[in-house]
N, C-alpha and C. Protein backbone atom coordinates (compact mmCIF):
# COMPACT_ATOMS: atom_id res chain seq x y z
N MET A 1 118.19 119.63 151.50
CA MET A 1 118.07 120.39 150.29
C MET A 1 118.23 119.47 149.09
N PHE A 2 117.43 119.74 148.05
CA PHE A 2 117.51 118.99 146.80
C PHE A 2 117.65 119.99 145.67
N LEU A 3 118.61 119.71 144.77
CA LEU A 3 118.82 120.56 143.61
C LEU A 3 118.22 119.87 142.40
N GLU A 4 117.12 120.45 141.88
CA GLU A 4 116.43 119.90 140.72
C GLU A 4 117.29 120.11 139.48
N ALA A 5 117.09 119.29 138.44
CA ALA A 5 117.89 119.36 137.21
C ALA A 5 117.85 120.75 136.57
N ASP A 6 116.74 121.48 136.75
CA ASP A 6 116.63 122.82 136.14
C ASP A 6 117.25 123.91 137.01
N GLY A 7 117.87 123.51 138.13
CA GLY A 7 118.55 124.46 139.00
C GLY A 7 117.74 124.90 140.20
N ALA A 8 116.48 124.52 140.29
CA ALA A 8 115.65 124.91 141.43
C ALA A 8 116.16 124.22 142.69
N ARG A 9 116.24 124.99 143.78
CA ARG A 9 116.65 124.45 145.07
C ARG A 9 115.40 124.22 145.90
N ILE A 10 115.24 123.00 146.38
CA ILE A 10 114.07 122.65 147.16
C ILE A 10 114.54 122.29 148.57
N ILE A 11 114.03 123.05 149.54
CA ILE A 11 114.50 122.94 150.91
C ILE A 11 113.31 122.69 151.83
N ALA A 12 113.49 121.80 152.81
CA ALA A 12 112.47 121.56 153.83
C ALA A 12 113.18 121.06 155.08
N ASP A 13 112.44 120.97 156.17
CA ASP A 13 113.06 120.59 157.44
C ASP A 13 113.05 119.09 157.73
N SER A 14 112.58 118.27 156.77
CA SER A 14 112.63 116.82 156.96
C SER A 14 112.62 116.14 155.58
N TRP A 15 113.07 114.89 155.53
CA TRP A 15 113.09 114.15 154.27
C TRP A 15 111.70 114.05 153.66
N PRO A 16 110.68 113.63 154.43
CA PRO A 16 109.35 113.51 153.82
C PRO A 16 108.85 114.82 153.22
N LYS A 17 109.16 115.94 153.87
CA LYS A 17 108.72 117.24 153.33
C LYS A 17 109.48 117.59 152.05
N VAL A 18 110.76 117.23 151.98
CA VAL A 18 111.51 117.44 150.74
C VAL A 18 110.88 116.60 149.63
N PHE A 19 110.56 115.33 149.92
CA PHE A 19 109.94 114.46 148.92
C PHE A 19 108.67 115.09 148.38
N GLU A 20 107.81 115.58 149.29
CA GLU A 20 106.54 116.17 148.88
C GLU A 20 106.75 117.44 148.06
N LYS A 21 107.70 118.28 148.48
CA LYS A 21 107.96 119.52 147.74
C LYS A 21 108.49 119.23 146.34
N VAL A 22 109.36 118.22 146.22
CA VAL A 22 109.89 117.85 144.90
C VAL A 22 108.76 117.35 144.01
N LYS A 23 107.92 116.48 144.55
CA LYS A 23 106.78 115.96 143.78
C LYS A 23 105.88 117.10 143.31
N SER A 24 105.56 117.99 144.23
CA SER A 24 104.69 119.12 143.92
C SER A 24 105.34 120.02 142.85
N TYR A 25 106.63 120.32 142.99
CA TYR A 25 107.35 121.15 142.03
C TYR A 25 107.31 120.51 140.64
N ARG A 26 107.58 119.22 140.59
CA ARG A 26 107.60 118.53 139.30
C ARG A 26 106.21 118.51 138.65
N GLU A 27 105.18 118.28 139.46
CA GLU A 27 103.82 118.28 138.92
C GLU A 27 103.45 119.64 138.36
N ARG A 28 103.77 120.72 139.09
CA ARG A 28 103.46 122.09 138.65
C ARG A 28 104.20 122.45 137.37
N ASN A 29 105.41 121.90 137.20
CA ASN A 29 106.25 122.29 136.08
C ASN A 29 106.29 121.26 134.95
N GLY A 30 105.42 120.27 135.01
CA GLY A 30 105.33 119.28 133.94
C GLY A 30 106.57 118.40 133.80
N ILE A 31 107.29 118.22 134.89
CA ILE A 31 108.49 117.38 134.88
C ILE A 31 108.07 115.97 135.27
N PRO A 32 108.54 114.94 134.56
CA PRO A 32 108.19 113.56 134.94
C PRO A 32 108.55 113.31 136.40
N LEU A 33 107.64 112.65 137.12
CA LEU A 33 107.80 112.45 138.56
C LEU A 33 109.02 111.60 138.90
N GLY A 34 109.23 110.47 138.23
CA GLY A 34 110.37 109.61 138.53
C GLY A 34 110.27 109.03 139.93
N ASP A 35 111.38 108.54 140.45
CA ASP A 35 111.43 107.98 141.81
C ASP A 35 112.02 109.05 142.72
N VAL A 36 111.17 109.95 143.19
CA VAL A 36 111.60 111.13 143.95
C VAL A 36 112.41 110.75 145.17
N GLU A 37 111.89 109.80 145.97
CA GLU A 37 112.59 109.45 147.21
C GLU A 37 114.00 108.96 146.93
N ALA A 38 114.14 108.08 145.95
CA ALA A 38 115.46 107.54 145.63
C ALA A 38 116.39 108.64 145.11
N GLU A 39 115.86 109.55 144.30
CA GLU A 39 116.69 110.64 143.75
C GLU A 39 117.17 111.58 144.85
N VAL A 40 116.27 111.93 145.78
CA VAL A 40 116.64 112.85 146.86
C VAL A 40 117.70 112.20 147.75
N VAL A 41 117.47 110.94 148.13
CA VAL A 41 118.44 110.24 148.99
C VAL A 41 119.77 110.08 148.26
N ALA A 42 119.73 109.71 146.99
CA ALA A 42 120.96 109.54 146.22
C ALA A 42 121.75 110.85 146.14
N GLN A 43 121.04 111.96 145.91
CA GLN A 43 121.73 113.25 145.83
C GLN A 43 122.32 113.64 147.18
N ALA A 44 121.59 113.40 148.26
CA ALA A 44 122.10 113.71 149.59
C ALA A 44 123.33 112.86 149.90
N CYS A 45 123.27 111.59 149.51
CA CYS A 45 124.41 110.71 149.74
C CYS A 45 125.62 111.11 148.89
N GLN A 46 125.34 111.59 147.69
CA GLN A 46 126.43 112.02 146.81
C GLN A 46 127.12 113.26 147.38
N ARG A 47 126.31 114.20 147.90
CA ARG A 47 126.88 115.42 148.48
C ARG A 47 127.62 115.14 149.78
N ASN A 48 127.09 114.21 150.58
CA ASN A 48 127.70 113.92 151.86
C ASN A 48 127.68 112.41 152.10
N PRO A 49 128.64 111.68 151.52
CA PRO A 49 128.66 110.22 151.62
C PRO A 49 128.66 109.69 153.05
N ALA A 50 129.13 110.46 154.00
CA ALA A 50 129.16 109.99 155.39
C ALA A 50 127.75 109.74 155.94
N PHE A 51 126.74 110.40 155.37
CA PHE A 51 125.36 110.16 155.81
C PHE A 51 124.91 108.76 155.45
N CYS A 52 125.41 108.22 154.37
CA CYS A 52 124.86 106.97 153.85
C CYS A 52 125.85 105.82 153.80
N THR A 53 127.10 106.08 153.96
CA THR A 53 128.09 105.02 153.88
C THR A 53 129.11 105.16 155.00
N HIS A 54 129.79 104.11 155.20
CA HIS A 54 130.99 104.18 156.02
C HIS A 54 132.07 103.40 155.28
N GLU A 55 133.27 103.78 155.47
CA GLU A 55 134.36 103.19 154.71
C GLU A 55 135.02 102.09 155.52
N THR A 56 135.36 101.01 154.84
CA THR A 56 136.15 99.95 155.45
C THR A 56 137.40 99.78 154.62
N GLN A 57 138.53 99.70 155.27
CA GLN A 57 139.80 99.61 154.57
C GLN A 57 140.32 98.18 154.64
N ASP A 58 140.59 97.61 153.50
CA ASP A 58 141.21 96.30 153.40
C ASP A 58 142.60 96.57 152.83
N MET A 59 143.60 95.85 153.24
CA MET A 59 144.95 96.10 152.74
C MET A 59 145.03 95.90 151.23
N ARG A 60 144.18 95.06 150.68
CA ARG A 60 144.23 94.81 149.23
C ARG A 60 143.45 95.84 148.44
N ASN A 61 142.33 96.32 148.97
CA ASN A 61 141.52 97.30 148.24
C ASN A 61 140.65 98.08 149.21
N GLN A 62 139.97 99.06 148.69
CA GLN A 62 139.08 99.87 149.50
C GLN A 62 137.66 99.63 149.03
N THR A 63 136.77 99.37 149.97
CA THR A 63 135.38 99.07 149.65
C THR A 63 134.48 100.10 150.32
N ARG A 64 133.47 100.51 149.61
CA ARG A 64 132.47 101.42 150.17
C ARG A 64 131.24 100.59 150.49
N LYS A 65 130.81 100.62 151.74
CA LYS A 65 129.69 99.82 152.19
C LYS A 65 128.55 100.76 152.63
N VAL A 66 127.35 100.52 152.13
CA VAL A 66 126.22 101.36 152.47
C VAL A 66 125.83 101.09 153.93
N SER A 67 125.55 102.16 154.66
CA SER A 67 125.19 102.02 156.08
C SER A 67 123.84 101.34 156.22
N LEU A 68 123.59 100.79 157.40
CA LEU A 68 122.30 100.17 157.68
C LEU A 68 121.18 101.19 157.52
N LYS A 69 121.41 102.39 157.99
CA LYS A 69 120.40 103.45 157.88
C LYS A 69 120.03 103.68 156.41
N GLY A 70 121.04 103.77 155.55
CA GLY A 70 120.79 103.97 154.12
C GLY A 70 120.06 102.79 153.50
N ARG A 71 120.45 101.57 153.89
CA ARG A 71 119.80 100.36 153.37
C ARG A 71 118.35 100.29 153.80
N VAL A 72 118.08 100.61 155.08
CA VAL A 72 116.70 100.55 155.59
C VAL A 72 115.85 101.62 154.92
N LEU A 73 116.36 102.83 154.76
CA LEU A 73 115.60 103.89 154.08
C LEU A 73 115.29 103.49 152.64
N ALA A 74 116.25 102.89 151.97
CA ALA A 74 116.02 102.44 150.59
C ALA A 74 114.96 101.33 150.57
N TRP A 75 115.02 100.39 151.52
CA TRP A 75 114.04 99.31 151.59
C TRP A 75 112.65 99.88 151.84
N LEU A 76 112.55 100.84 152.77
CA LEU A 76 111.26 101.45 153.06
C LEU A 76 110.70 102.16 151.83
N SER A 77 111.56 102.87 151.12
CA SER A 77 111.13 103.57 149.90
C SER A 77 110.62 102.57 148.86
N ARG A 78 111.35 101.48 148.66
CA ARG A 78 110.91 100.44 147.70
C ARG A 78 109.59 99.82 148.14
N THR A 79 109.42 99.63 149.45
CA THR A 79 108.19 99.03 149.96
C THR A 79 107.00 99.96 149.76
N VAL A 80 107.20 101.26 149.94
CA VAL A 80 106.13 102.23 149.64
C VAL A 80 105.79 102.15 148.16
N GLY A 81 106.81 102.05 147.30
CA GLY A 81 106.58 101.91 145.86
C GLY A 81 105.78 100.65 145.54
N ARG A 82 106.11 99.55 146.22
CA ARG A 82 105.34 98.31 146.05
C ARG A 82 103.89 98.51 146.46
N LYS A 83 103.69 99.21 147.57
CA LYS A 83 102.34 99.44 148.09
C LYS A 83 101.52 100.27 147.11
N GLU A 84 102.16 101.22 146.44
CA GLU A 84 101.45 102.06 145.48
C GLU A 84 100.99 101.27 144.27
N LYS A 85 101.72 100.21 143.93
CA LYS A 85 101.36 99.38 142.77
C LYS A 85 100.39 98.27 143.13
N THR A 86 100.62 97.62 144.26
CA THR A 86 99.81 96.50 144.71
C THR A 86 99.65 96.60 146.23
N PRO A 87 98.43 96.47 146.73
CA PRO A 87 98.26 96.55 148.19
C PRO A 87 99.12 95.50 148.91
N LEU A 88 99.68 95.90 150.03
CA LEU A 88 100.47 94.98 150.83
C LEU A 88 99.54 93.98 151.52
N VAL A 89 100.06 92.77 151.73
CA VAL A 89 99.31 91.75 152.46
C VAL A 89 99.89 91.71 153.87
N PHE A 90 99.02 91.89 154.85
CA PHE A 90 99.45 91.91 156.24
C PHE A 90 99.20 90.55 156.89
N VAL A 91 100.09 90.19 157.81
CA VAL A 91 99.91 88.95 158.56
C VAL A 91 99.01 89.25 159.75
N GLY A 92 98.47 88.20 160.36
CA GLY A 92 97.63 88.36 161.54
C GLY A 92 98.43 88.88 162.73
N GLU A 93 97.72 89.39 163.73
CA GLU A 93 98.37 89.97 164.91
C GLU A 93 99.24 88.96 165.65
N ALA A 94 98.77 87.72 165.75
CA ALA A 94 99.56 86.69 166.45
C ALA A 94 100.88 86.43 165.71
N GLU A 95 100.81 86.34 164.39
CA GLU A 95 102.03 86.12 163.59
C GLU A 95 102.97 87.31 163.71
N ALA A 96 102.44 88.52 163.66
CA ALA A 96 103.27 89.72 163.79
C ALA A 96 103.96 89.75 165.16
N LYS A 97 103.25 89.39 166.21
CA LYS A 97 103.84 89.37 167.56
C LYS A 97 104.95 88.32 167.66
N GLU A 98 104.73 87.15 167.06
CA GLU A 98 105.75 86.10 167.08
C GLU A 98 107.00 86.54 166.32
N ARG A 99 106.80 87.14 165.17
CA ARG A 99 107.94 87.65 164.40
C ARG A 99 108.70 88.72 165.19
N ALA A 100 107.94 89.63 165.80
CA ALA A 100 108.57 90.70 166.60
C ALA A 100 109.36 90.11 167.77
N ARG A 101 108.82 89.07 168.40
CA ARG A 101 109.51 88.41 169.51
C ARG A 101 110.84 87.84 169.03
N ILE A 102 110.83 87.19 167.87
CA ILE A 102 112.04 86.60 167.31
C ILE A 102 113.07 87.69 167.00
N CYS A 103 112.62 88.75 166.34
CA CYS A 103 113.54 89.83 165.97
C CYS A 103 114.07 90.59 167.18
N ASN A 104 113.25 90.73 168.20
CA ASN A 104 113.66 91.48 169.38
C ASN A 104 114.89 90.88 170.05
N VAL A 105 115.01 89.55 170.05
CA VAL A 105 116.15 88.91 170.71
C VAL A 105 117.30 88.63 169.74
N CYS A 106 117.12 88.95 168.49
CA CYS A 106 118.14 88.67 167.47
C CYS A 106 119.28 89.70 167.56
N PRO A 107 120.52 89.24 167.49
CA PRO A 107 121.65 90.18 167.53
C PRO A 107 121.74 91.07 166.29
N HIS A 108 121.00 90.74 165.24
CA HIS A 108 121.03 91.54 164.01
C HIS A 108 119.97 92.64 163.99
N ASN A 109 119.18 92.77 165.06
CA ASN A 109 118.20 93.85 165.24
C ASN A 109 119.01 95.08 165.68
N SER A 110 119.44 95.86 164.71
CA SER A 110 120.38 96.96 164.98
C SER A 110 119.70 98.31 164.84
N GLY A 111 119.98 99.19 165.77
CA GLY A 111 119.38 100.52 165.79
C GLY A 111 120.04 101.52 164.87
N PHE A 112 119.46 102.69 164.83
CA PHE A 112 119.98 103.80 164.02
C PHE A 112 120.55 104.86 164.94
N ALA A 113 121.37 104.48 165.89
CA ALA A 113 121.86 105.41 166.89
C ALA A 113 122.55 106.62 166.27
N ASP A 114 123.17 106.43 165.11
CA ASP A 114 123.89 107.53 164.48
C ASP A 114 123.01 108.31 163.51
N GLY A 115 121.72 108.02 163.49
CA GLY A 115 120.81 108.65 162.53
C GLY A 115 120.52 110.10 162.88
N CYS A 116 120.44 110.92 161.85
CA CYS A 116 120.09 112.32 162.06
C CYS A 116 118.57 112.44 162.25
N SER A 117 118.11 113.58 162.71
CA SER A 117 116.68 113.76 162.97
C SER A 117 115.87 113.64 161.69
N SER A 118 116.40 114.08 160.56
CA SER A 118 115.68 113.96 159.29
C SER A 118 115.51 112.51 158.89
N CYS A 119 116.55 111.70 159.10
CA CYS A 119 116.45 110.27 158.77
C CYS A 119 115.45 109.58 159.68
N LYS A 120 115.49 109.91 160.96
CA LYS A 120 114.54 109.32 161.91
C LYS A 120 113.12 109.72 161.55
N ALA A 121 112.93 110.98 161.14
CA ALA A 121 111.60 111.43 160.73
C ALA A 121 111.15 110.70 159.47
N ALA A 122 112.07 110.46 158.56
CA ALA A 122 111.73 109.73 157.33
C ALA A 122 111.29 108.31 157.67
N VAL A 123 112.00 107.65 158.58
CA VAL A 123 111.62 106.30 158.99
C VAL A 123 110.22 106.31 159.60
N ARG A 124 109.96 107.28 160.48
CA ARG A 124 108.62 107.38 161.10
C ARG A 124 107.55 107.60 160.03
N SER A 125 107.83 108.47 159.08
CA SER A 125 106.86 108.77 158.02
C SER A 125 106.59 107.53 157.17
N TYR A 126 107.65 106.82 156.79
CA TYR A 126 107.48 105.59 156.01
C TYR A 126 106.66 104.57 156.79
N ARG A 127 106.99 104.41 158.08
CA ARG A 127 106.24 103.45 158.91
C ARG A 127 104.77 103.83 158.97
N ASP A 128 104.49 105.11 159.16
CA ASP A 128 103.09 105.56 159.21
C ASP A 128 102.37 105.26 157.89
N THR A 129 103.05 105.49 156.78
CA THR A 129 102.46 105.23 155.46
C THR A 129 102.19 103.74 155.28
N LEU A 130 103.10 102.90 155.74
CA LEU A 130 103.01 101.47 155.48
C LEU A 130 102.14 100.71 156.48
N ILE A 131 102.27 101.03 157.77
CA ILE A 131 101.55 100.23 158.78
C ILE A 131 100.71 101.07 159.73
N GLY A 132 100.59 102.35 159.46
CA GLY A 132 99.78 103.21 160.33
C GLY A 132 100.35 103.28 161.73
N THR A 133 99.48 103.14 162.71
CA THR A 133 99.92 103.26 164.10
C THR A 133 100.29 101.93 164.73
N ALA A 134 100.19 100.85 163.97
CA ALA A 134 100.54 99.52 164.51
C ALA A 134 102.04 99.50 164.83
N ARG A 135 102.36 99.25 166.06
CA ARG A 135 103.76 99.18 166.48
C ARG A 135 103.95 97.99 167.41
N ALA A 136 105.12 97.39 167.33
CA ALA A 136 105.46 96.29 168.23
C ALA A 136 105.80 96.85 169.60
N LYS A 137 105.54 96.07 170.63
CA LYS A 137 105.91 96.50 171.98
C LYS A 137 107.42 96.37 172.18
N ALA A 138 108.02 95.41 171.49
CA ALA A 138 109.46 95.20 171.57
C ALA A 138 110.17 96.23 170.69
N PRO A 139 111.36 96.66 171.08
CA PRO A 139 112.09 97.63 170.25
C PRO A 139 112.61 96.98 168.96
N LEU A 140 112.03 97.33 167.84
CA LEU A 140 112.45 96.80 166.55
C LEU A 140 113.09 97.91 165.74
N ASN A 141 114.20 97.60 165.13
CA ASN A 141 114.95 98.58 164.36
C ASN A 141 115.16 98.07 162.95
N GLY A 142 116.41 97.92 162.56
CA GLY A 142 116.73 97.43 161.22
C GLY A 142 117.43 96.09 161.29
N CYS A 143 117.18 95.24 160.30
CA CYS A 143 117.89 93.97 160.22
C CYS A 143 119.24 94.23 159.55
N ALA A 144 120.30 94.00 160.29
CA ALA A 144 121.64 94.27 159.79
C ALA A 144 122.01 93.38 158.61
N ILE A 145 121.34 92.25 158.45
CA ILE A 145 121.64 91.35 157.33
C ILE A 145 120.81 91.69 156.11
N LEU A 146 119.50 91.82 156.29
CA LEU A 146 118.60 92.05 155.15
C LEU A 146 118.43 93.52 154.80
N GLY A 147 118.78 94.43 155.72
CA GLY A 147 118.65 95.85 155.44
C GLY A 147 117.20 96.31 155.36
N GLU A 148 116.33 95.67 156.13
CA GLU A 148 114.93 96.07 156.11
C GLU A 148 114.49 96.54 157.49
N ASP A 149 113.42 97.31 157.52
CA ASP A 149 112.88 97.83 158.76
C ASP A 149 112.03 96.75 159.41
N LEU A 150 112.44 96.29 160.57
CA LEU A 150 111.76 95.18 161.23
C LEU A 150 110.37 95.55 161.73
N GLU A 151 110.16 96.81 162.06
CA GLU A 151 108.84 97.27 162.51
C GLU A 151 107.81 97.04 161.40
N VAL A 152 108.21 97.22 160.15
CA VAL A 152 107.31 97.03 159.02
C VAL A 152 107.33 95.58 158.55
N SER A 153 108.52 95.01 158.35
CA SER A 153 108.61 93.68 157.75
C SER A 153 107.95 92.59 158.60
N THR A 154 107.93 92.76 159.92
CA THR A 154 107.28 91.76 160.77
C THR A 154 105.76 91.77 160.60
N ARG A 155 105.22 92.82 160.01
CA ARG A 155 103.76 92.96 159.86
C ARG A 155 103.26 92.62 158.46
N ILE A 156 104.16 92.55 157.48
CA ILE A 156 103.70 92.28 156.12
C ILE A 156 104.16 90.91 155.64
N GLU A 157 103.41 90.35 154.71
CA GLU A 157 103.75 89.05 154.15
C GLU A 157 105.00 89.22 153.30
N GLU A 158 106.05 88.52 153.64
CA GLU A 158 107.32 88.62 152.93
C GLU A 158 107.75 87.23 152.47
N VAL A 159 108.44 87.20 151.36
CA VAL A 159 108.96 85.94 150.82
C VAL A 159 110.13 85.50 151.69
N ARG A 160 110.17 84.26 152.03
CA ARG A 160 111.30 83.71 152.80
C ARG A 160 112.53 83.67 151.89
N VAL A 161 113.69 83.84 152.47
CA VAL A 161 114.92 83.91 151.68
C VAL A 161 115.92 82.85 152.10
N SER A 162 116.78 82.49 151.16
CA SER A 162 117.86 81.56 151.42
C SER A 162 119.11 82.40 151.64
N ASN A 163 119.46 82.60 152.90
CA ASN A 163 120.60 83.44 153.23
C ASN A 163 121.29 82.81 154.44
N ASN A 164 122.48 82.28 154.23
CA ASN A 164 123.20 81.59 155.31
C ASN A 164 123.67 82.51 156.43
N GLU A 165 123.63 83.83 156.19
CA GLU A 165 124.00 84.77 157.25
C GLU A 165 122.90 84.89 158.30
N LEU A 166 121.65 84.58 157.92
CA LEU A 166 120.54 84.67 158.86
C LEU A 166 120.64 83.55 159.89
N PRO A 167 120.33 83.83 161.15
CA PRO A 167 120.37 82.78 162.17
C PRO A 167 119.27 81.74 161.90
N GLY A 168 119.46 80.56 162.41
CA GLY A 168 118.52 79.46 162.19
C GLY A 168 117.12 79.75 162.67
N HIS A 169 116.98 80.59 163.68
CA HIS A 169 115.65 80.88 164.24
C HIS A 169 114.90 81.98 163.48
N CYS A 170 115.52 82.59 162.48
CA CYS A 170 114.92 83.73 161.78
C CYS A 170 113.67 83.32 161.00
N TRP A 171 112.59 84.08 161.18
CA TRP A 171 111.33 83.79 160.48
C TRP A 171 111.41 84.08 158.98
N ARG A 172 112.41 84.85 158.53
CA ARG A 172 112.57 85.18 157.12
C ARG A 172 113.37 84.12 156.36
N LYS A 173 114.04 83.23 157.10
CA LYS A 173 114.93 82.26 156.49
C LYS A 173 114.15 81.02 156.03
N ILE A 174 114.47 80.57 154.82
CA ILE A 174 113.88 79.32 154.32
C ILE A 174 114.51 78.19 155.13
N SER A 175 113.67 77.35 155.68
CA SER A 175 114.18 76.18 156.40
C SER A 175 113.57 74.93 155.78
N LEU A 176 114.40 73.95 155.54
CA LEU A 176 113.94 72.72 154.91
C LEU A 176 113.70 71.63 155.92
């Protein structure tokens, strides 16, 4: 459920359907579209933080850490936004398979075992929007370090990053 600023309640049985209903409602009512996906997810997380975060207690302070599921959904949403502005560049099939092979054996390839059906449906919908039916044979989930969906990121041209948390064999890591 999403509560629009004017008080309208928008309800659907999955995240993608909520996104579409909000967009449609705003278009019909002359409300600026904004970043619907981010607003819906943010409101859901605000109402029920356990969906998007888990708490870690340090004796000195308390920190709120966004869950992998929340990070991956946010990354997918941003990637769809990128696609709407500029077409994504896809790597060749051989490169995608090699990347998938690397990620498949990586200990940071973490699943969404605690994900609700709506979150899983949102991930499927985002994947369909971004890469269609192309899927890796290896089980790819989310990168626990980068917070991105490996099923998608292994197929698109991505900038290499300097991150010491990434293992040496990672295809996303800058190596000199």
